[in-house]
């Protein structure tokens, strides 16, 4: 599996490239944002590991430009930023996951593998809830026939909820099935992704995702 690593710290590039190669990945690397963006748009990668603070083009700009060009390669952002607003902006732009530096290589590998095995619970079947449709094979979400852009992680989460339509799913179950069993149980990543999906789908009069205390989340046409 081929990966793109966009990182301007040569020591980090060396250590990550070695670890990823030993884990069975083929790694291309870029030391600035412009070079990384050009590689990402012109080559097919299984995933992109992207530093936030890069010369010439920031990680935020790269995510935004790639998604605008309909490049939906999964992106894990590697960042020192730990503010909720920064995380929300990354997800809103289309990033799939993030890791706060410094991080353990084992955690990066676990998150990367979880991202690459996006659950396919229903093959070839279009999932429907009210006027909302999700096509797993085409990686497509539509509402009233209009496409709703989703990151890979948002798509996986919505797909899992729609496959289990009408059933409340606990936060822990979602972490294990949509992320993996090694996901940090104290992370707020589920809540952040649910919030982002709601922003994209819901209005004051239209609701698809419902929350119940101590039970979790469900997708349905009514509470």
Foldseek 3Di string as FASTA:
>chain_A
DEEEEEAQDVVVVVVLCVLVVVVPYHYDYHNADVVSLVCQVPDDGQEYEAEQDGPPAGPLRSLLVCVVVVNQRAYEYEYQDDDPVVVLSSQLSAHQYYDHPPDDSVVVVLQSVLLSCQDDPDPQDWFDAPQWIAGVVVRFIDGVRHTFDHHSLLSSLVVVQRVVAPAFDAPQRSCCRSGRNPDDPPDCVVVSSVVSVCVRPHDPPFDFWDQDPPRHIHGHRDD
